[in-house]
Amino acid sequence: MNDRKLLSLGVAGTVIAAVSCITSMLVVPLALIGLSAWAGWADYGLVVVMAAFAVIAVTAGWRVLRGPHAP
């Protein structure tokens, strides 16, 4: 995977996880499958996912800015 695709993946994943961290958006889908009680705990997992994608985005951005000829 090249650096630009990795950067796109990191940014997209971070944005999706940040939007999903709004628990009210998760209540309806979880209620449809009978798991609305988990909505309060969902933020703990989503924060970890958001942090992981943020690390991917920062690392890929740093690699893109560094250029193709850097060691």
N, C-alpha and C. Protein backbone atom coordinates (compact mmCIF):
# COMPACT_ATOMS: atom_id res chain seq x y z
N MET A 1 0.86 -1.17 0.00
CA MET A 1 0.00 0.00 0.00
C MET A 1 0.90 1.23 0.00
N ASN A 2 0.64 2.14 -0.93
CA ASN A 2 1.49 3.32 -0.98
C ASN A 2 1.07 4.33 0.10
N ASP A 3 1.90 5.34 0.28
CA ASP A 3 1.70 6.29 1.38
C ASP A 3 0.42 7.11 1.23
N ARG A 4 0.06 7.48 0.03
CA ARG A 4 -1.14 8.30 -0.16
C ARG A 4 -2.41 7.51 0.16
N LYS A 5 -2.44 6.25 -0.23
CA LYS A 5 -3.60 5.41 0.10
C LYS A 5 -3.68 5.19 1.62
N LEU A 6 -2.53 5.00 2.23
CA LEU A 6 -2.49 4.82 3.68
C LEU A 6 -2.96 6.08 4.39
N LEU A 7 -2.59 7.24 3.88
CA LEU A 7 -3.06 8.50 4.45
C LEU A 7 -4.57 8.64 4.29
N SER A 8 -5.09 8.29 3.13
CA SER A 8 -6.54 8.35 2.91
C SER A 8 -7.28 7.41 3.86
N LEU A 9 -6.75 6.21 4.03
CA LEU A 9 -7.35 5.25 4.94
C LEU A 9 -7.35 5.77 6.37
N GLY A 10 -6.25 6.34 6.80
CA GLY A 10 -6.16 6.86 8.16
C GLY A 10 -7.13 8.01 8.41
N VAL A 11 -7.21 8.93 7.47
CA VAL A 11 -8.10 10.08 7.63
C VAL A 11 -9.57 9.63 7.59
N ALA A 12 -9.90 8.77 6.64
CA ALA A 12 -11.29 8.29 6.54
C ALA A 12 -11.69 7.50 7.78
N GLY A 13 -10.82 6.64 8.25
CA GLY A 13 -11.12 5.86 9.45
C GLY A 13 -11.27 6.73 10.68
N THR A 14 -10.44 7.75 10.80
CA THR A 14 -10.53 8.66 11.93
C THR A 14 -11.85 9.43 11.90
N VAL A 15 -12.24 9.91 10.73
CA VAL A 15 -13.49 10.66 10.61
C VAL A 15 -14.69 9.76 10.91
N ILE A 16 -14.69 8.55 10.38
CA ILE A 16 -15.81 7.63 10.62
C ILE A 16 -15.89 7.27 12.10
N ALA A 17 -14.76 7.00 12.73
CA ALA A 17 -14.77 6.67 14.15
C ALA A 17 -15.19 7.86 15.00
N ALA A 18 -14.78 9.07 14.61
CA ALA A 18 -15.18 10.25 15.37
C ALA A 18 -16.68 10.50 15.26
N VAL A 19 -17.24 10.31 14.09
CA VAL A 19 -18.68 10.46 13.92
C VAL A 19 -19.42 9.38 14.70
N SER A 20 -18.89 8.18 14.69
CA SER A 20 -19.52 7.08 15.41
C SER A 20 -19.42 7.22 16.92
N CYS A 21 -18.50 8.03 17.39
CA CYS A 21 -18.36 8.22 18.83
C CYS A 21 -19.56 8.95 19.43
N ILE A 22 -20.35 9.56 18.60
CA ILE A 22 -21.55 10.20 19.09
C ILE A 22 -22.54 9.07 19.36
N THR A 23 -22.73 8.76 20.62
CA THR A 23 -23.49 7.58 21.01
C THR A 23 -24.91 7.60 20.48
N SER A 24 -25.50 8.75 20.35
CA SER A 24 -26.88 8.81 19.86
C SER A 24 -27.01 8.25 18.46
N MET A 25 -25.96 8.33 17.67
CA MET A 25 -26.00 7.77 16.32
C MET A 25 -25.92 6.24 16.36
N LEU A 26 -25.40 5.69 17.42
CA LEU A 26 -25.27 4.24 17.53
C LEU A 26 -26.49 3.58 18.14
N VAL A 27 -27.31 4.33 18.84
CA VAL A 27 -28.43 3.75 19.55
C VAL A 27 -29.42 3.10 18.59
N VAL A 28 -29.75 3.75 17.51
CA VAL A 28 -30.74 3.22 16.57
C VAL A 28 -30.26 1.92 15.93
N PRO A 29 -29.05 1.87 15.34
CA PRO A 29 -28.63 0.58 14.76
C PRO A 29 -28.52 -0.53 15.81
N LEU A 30 -28.04 -0.19 16.99
CA LEU A 30 -27.94 -1.22 18.03
C LEU A 30 -29.31 -1.66 18.51
N ALA A 31 -30.25 -0.74 18.57
CA ALA A 31 -31.61 -1.10 18.97
C ALA A 31 -32.28 -2.01 17.94
N LEU A 32 -31.96 -1.81 16.68
CA LEU A 32 -32.55 -2.64 15.64
C LEU A 32 -32.15 -4.11 15.77
N ILE A 33 -30.96 -4.34 16.29
CA ILE A 33 -30.51 -5.72 16.46
C ILE A 33 -30.60 -6.18 17.91
N GLY A 34 -31.20 -5.37 18.77
CA GLY A 34 -31.44 -5.76 20.15
C GLY A 34 -30.28 -5.56 21.10
N LEU A 35 -29.36 -4.70 20.75
CA LEU A 35 -28.17 -4.49 21.58
C LEU A 35 -28.05 -3.05 22.07
N SER A 36 -29.14 -2.38 22.29
CA SER A 36 -29.09 -0.97 22.68
C SER A 36 -28.45 -0.77 24.05
N ALA A 37 -28.42 -1.79 24.87
CA ALA A 37 -27.76 -1.67 26.18
C ALA A 37 -26.26 -1.49 26.02
N TRP A 38 -25.71 -1.88 24.89
CA TRP A 38 -24.28 -1.74 24.65
C TRP A 38 -23.88 -0.33 24.22
N ALA A 39 -24.82 0.53 23.97
CA ALA A 39 -24.52 1.87 23.45
C ALA A 39 -23.65 2.66 24.41
N GLY A 40 -23.85 2.46 25.69
CA GLY A 40 -23.03 3.17 26.67
C GLY A 40 -21.59 2.72 26.68
N TRP A 41 -21.35 1.48 26.32
CA TRP A 41 -19.99 0.94 26.32
C TRP A 41 -19.30 1.08 24.97
N ALA A 42 -20.02 1.42 23.94
CA ALA A 42 -19.46 1.48 22.59
C ALA A 42 -18.39 2.55 22.45
N ASP A 43 -18.51 3.63 23.20
CA ASP A 43 -17.54 4.72 23.09
C ASP A 43 -16.14 4.28 23.48
N TYR A 44 -16.03 3.37 24.42
CA TYR A 44 -14.71 2.92 24.85
C TYR A 44 -13.95 2.23 23.72
N GLY A 45 -14.63 1.40 22.98
CA GLY A 45 -13.99 0.74 21.85
C GLY A 45 -13.74 1.69 20.69
N LEU A 46 -14.69 2.60 20.46
CA LEU A 46 -14.54 3.53 19.34
C LEU A 46 -13.41 4.53 19.56
N VAL A 47 -13.16 4.90 20.79
CA VAL A 47 -12.06 5.82 21.06
C VAL A 47 -10.73 5.15 20.72
N VAL A 48 -10.61 3.87 21.02
CA VAL A 48 -9.39 3.13 20.68
C VAL A 48 -9.23 3.02 19.16
N VAL A 49 -10.33 2.74 18.47
CA VAL A 49 -10.28 2.64 17.01
C VAL A 49 -9.92 4.00 16.40
N MET A 50 -10.51 5.07 16.93
CA MET A 50 -10.20 6.41 16.42
C MET A 50 -8.74 6.75 16.64
N ALA A 51 -8.20 6.40 17.79
CA ALA A 51 -6.79 6.67 18.07
C ALA A 51 -5.89 5.88 17.12
N ALA A 52 -6.24 4.63 16.85
CA ALA A 52 -5.44 3.81 15.94
C ALA A 52 -5.43 4.40 14.53
N PHE A 53 -6.59 4.81 14.03
CA PHE A 53 -6.64 5.42 12.71
C PHE A 53 -5.93 6.77 12.69
N ALA A 54 -5.96 7.50 13.78
CA ALA A 54 -5.24 8.78 13.84
C ALA A 54 -3.73 8.54 13.76
N VAL A 55 -3.25 7.49 14.41
CA VAL A 55 -1.82 7.15 14.33
C VAL A 55 -1.46 6.76 12.91
N ILE A 56 -2.32 5.99 12.24
CA ILE A 56 -2.07 5.63 10.84
C ILE A 56 -2.02 6.88 9.97
N ALA A 57 -2.95 7.81 10.18
CA ALA A 57 -2.99 9.03 9.38
C ALA A 57 -1.76 9.89 9.61
N VAL A 58 -1.34 10.04 10.85
CA VAL A 58 -0.16 10.86 11.15
C VAL A 58 1.10 10.23 10.58
N THR A 59 1.23 8.92 10.72
CA THR A 59 2.41 8.22 10.19
C THR A 59 2.46 8.32 8.67
N ALA A 60 1.34 8.10 8.00
CA ALA A 60 1.32 8.20 6.55
C ALA A 60 1.56 9.63 6.09
N GLY A 61 0.98 10.59 6.77
CA GLY A 61 1.22 12.00 6.43
C GLY A 61 2.67 12.38 6.56
N TRP A 62 3.31 11.87 7.60
CA TRP A 62 4.73 12.15 7.80
C TRP A 62 5.55 11.52 6.69
N ARG A 63 5.19 10.31 6.27
CA ARG A 63 5.91 9.64 5.19
C ARG A 63 5.70 10.35 3.86
N VAL A 64 4.50 10.88 3.63
CA VAL A 64 4.23 11.62 2.38
C VAL A 64 5.03 12.91 2.36
N LEU A 65 5.05 13.62 3.47
CA LEU A 65 5.78 14.90 3.52
C LEU A 65 7.29 14.71 3.43
N ARG A 66 7.76 13.57 3.93
CA ARG A 66 9.19 13.31 3.91
C ARG A 66 9.71 13.09 2.52
N GLY A 67 8.88 12.60 1.63
CA GLY A 67 9.25 12.43 0.24
C GLY A 67 9.70 11.02 -0.09
N PRO A 68 9.74 10.71 -1.38
CA PRO A 68 10.08 9.35 -1.79
C PRO A 68 11.56 9.00 -1.69
N HIS A 69 12.42 10.00 -1.59
CA HIS A 69 13.86 9.73 -1.61
C HIS A 69 14.49 9.77 -0.22
N ALA A 70 13.69 9.93 0.79
CA ALA A 70 14.23 9.94 2.14
C ALA A 70 14.56 8.52 2.59
N PRO A 71 15.59 8.37 3.39
CA PRO A 71 15.99 7.01 3.81
C PRO A 71 14.99 6.40 4.78
